[in-house]
């Protein structure tokens, strides 16, 4: 009787294992079919991404070129108008909308009249 029960258990274990393998196969087959339907969309998205990378690189190159031209104009303008004054390139900007092209921005500080003589914005 014990040998018969052990033989029966072997078949039950094999049946459970086969059922598990079939479930795994079905799961991965369904996953494959779902992703296969998305394949054209993923290819289109990859193409658009490649084009965006190219466009971004071109735009960056154009902006660097414009920045270099603007810096040259600012230097030429400053050397022509303010030959006797020194300036800091990092604080000077060129704006094509401004009347003379140079925009000055920042905060105005005022010295307090208290005992500590602190500066206030």
Protein backbone atom coordinates (compact mmCIF):
# COMPACT_ATOMS: atom_id res chain seq x y z
CA UNK A 1 0.00 0.00 0.00
CA UNK A 2 2.83 2.41 0.87
CA UNK A 3 4.52 1.78 -2.49
CA UNK A 4 1.22 2.44 -4.29
CA UNK A 5 0.74 5.73 -2.38
CA UNK A 6 4.31 6.85 -3.10
CA UNK A 7 3.89 6.05 -6.79
CA UNK A 8 0.61 8.01 -6.82
CA UNK A 9 2.31 11.02 -5.15
CA UNK A 10 5.01 11.05 -7.83
CA UNK A 11 2.36 11.42 -10.50
CA UNK A 12 0.58 14.18 -8.55
CA UNK A 13 3.83 16.11 -8.15
CA UNK A 14 4.57 15.69 -11.85
CA UNK A 15 1.02 16.82 -12.71
CA UNK A 16 1.37 19.93 -10.48
CA UNK A 17 4.74 20.74 -12.04
CA UNK A 18 3.32 20.38 -15.55
CA UNK A 19 0.38 22.61 -14.61
CA UNK A 20 2.78 25.24 -13.23
CA UNK A 21 4.89 25.13 -16.40
CA UNK A 22 1.78 25.55 -18.55
CA UNK A 23 0.69 28.56 -16.44
CA UNK A 24 4.15 30.12 -16.88
CA UNK A 25 4.04 29.53 -20.62
CA UNK A 26 0.59 31.14 -20.88
CA UNK A 27 1.70 34.13 -18.78
CA UNK A 28 4.78 34.85 -20.89
CA UNK A 29 2.91 34.19 -24.15
CA UNK A 30 0.27 36.79 -23.20
CA UNK A 31 3.00 39.25 -22.21
CA UNK A 32 4.73 38.73 -25.54
CA UNK A 33 1.51 39.26 -27.51
CA UNK A 34 0.71 42.46 -25.61
CA UNK A 35 4.19 43.88 -26.15
CA UNK A 36 4.20 42.75 -29.77
CA UNK A 37 1.13 44.95 -30.33
CA UNK A 38 3.09 47.90 -28.92
CA UNK A 39 6.09 47.28 -31.17
CA UNK A 40 5.11 49.82 -33.91
CA UNK A 41 4.45 52.48 -31.27
CA UNK A 42 7.81 51.83 -29.59
CA UNK A 43 9.62 52.05 -32.94
CA UNK A 44 7.84 55.34 -33.75
CA UNK A 45 8.70 56.68 -30.30
CA UNK A 46 12.37 55.70 -30.72
CA UNK A 47 12.48 57.51 -34.08
CA UNK A 48 10.94 60.64 -32.56
CA UNK A 49 13.39 60.47 -29.66
CA UNK A 50 16.34 60.28 -32.06
CA UNK A 51 15.00 63.32 -33.93
CA UNK A 52 14.55 65.24 -30.66
CA UNK A 53 18.16 64.51 -29.70
CA UNK A 54 19.36 65.79 -33.08
CA UNK A 55 17.16 68.91 -32.88
CA UNK A 56 18.39 69.60 -29.35
CA UNK A 57 22.03 69.36 -30.43
CA UNK A 58 21.40 71.70 -33.38
CA UNK A 59 19.58 74.20 -31.16
CA UNK A 60 22.38 74.08 -28.58
CA UNK A 61 24.98 74.73 -31.28
CA UNK A 62 22.93 77.67 -32.63
CA UNK A 63 22.52 79.15 -29.15
CA UNK A 64 26.26 78.87 -28.50
CA UNK A 65 26.94 80.58 -31.82
CA UNK A 66 24.45 83.37 -31.01
CA UNK A 67 25.99 83.76 -27.57
CA UNK A 68 29.45 84.14 -29.09
CA UNK A 69 28.18 86.76 -31.55
CA UNK A 70 26.42 88.67 -28.81
CA UNK A 71 29.54 88.64 -26.63
CA UNK A 72 31.54 90.01 -29.56
CA UNK A 73 28.98 92.78 -30.08
CA UNK A 74 28.99 93.66 -26.39
CA UNK A 75 32.78 93.80 -26.31
CA UNK A 76 32.85 95.95 -29.45
CA UNK A 77 30.14 98.23 -28.05
CA UNK A 78 31.82 98.59 -24.69
CA UNK A 79 35.26 99.17 -26.12
CA UNK A 80 33.84 101.82 -28.46
CA UNK A 81 31.71 103.69 -25.89
CA UNK A 82 33.59 103.10 -22.65
CA UNK A 83 37.23 102.94 -23.55
CA UNK A 84 38.35 104.32 -20.19
CA UNK A 85 36.28 101.96 -18.02
CA UNK A 86 36.88 98.33 -17.19
CA UNK A 87 33.94 95.94 -16.99
CA UNK A 88 33.11 92.40 -15.96
CA UNK A 89 31.88 90.19 -18.87
CA UNK A 90 29.80 88.02 -16.56
CA UNK A 91 27.65 90.98 -15.47
CA UNK A 92 27.01 92.48 -18.91
CA UNK A 93 24.26 91.12 -21.11
CA UNK A 94 23.26 91.96 -24.64
CA UNK A 95 19.56 92.37 -25.33
CA UNK A 96 18.40 93.03 -28.87
CA UNK A 97 15.17 94.63 -27.57
CA UNK A 98 16.97 97.29 -25.52
CA UNK A 99 17.67 100.63 -27.24
CA UNK A 100 21.45 100.38 -27.05
CA UNK A 101 21.67 96.61 -26.58
CA UNK A 102 23.04 96.70 -23.02
CA UNK A 103 20.79 95.85 -20.09
CA UNK A 104 21.78 96.52 -16.52
CA UNK A 105 19.92 94.53 -13.87
CA UNK A 106 20.31 94.07 -10.16
CA UNK A 107 19.40 95.37 -6.74
CA UNK A 108 19.94 98.85 -5.43
CA UNK A 109 21.51 98.88 -1.97
CA UNK A 110 21.15 101.77 0.48
CA UNK A 111 23.29 102.29 3.55
CA UNK A 112 21.25 102.51 6.73
CA UNK A 113 21.61 105.52 8.99
CA UNK A 114 21.56 103.47 12.19
CA UNK A 115 24.55 102.83 14.43
CA UNK A 116 25.59 99.67 12.52
CA UNK A 117 25.63 101.30 9.05
CA UNK A 118 24.25 98.15 7.36
CA UNK A 119 23.30 97.88 3.71
CA UNK A 120 19.64 97.24 2.82
CA UNK A 121 18.16 96.25 -0.49
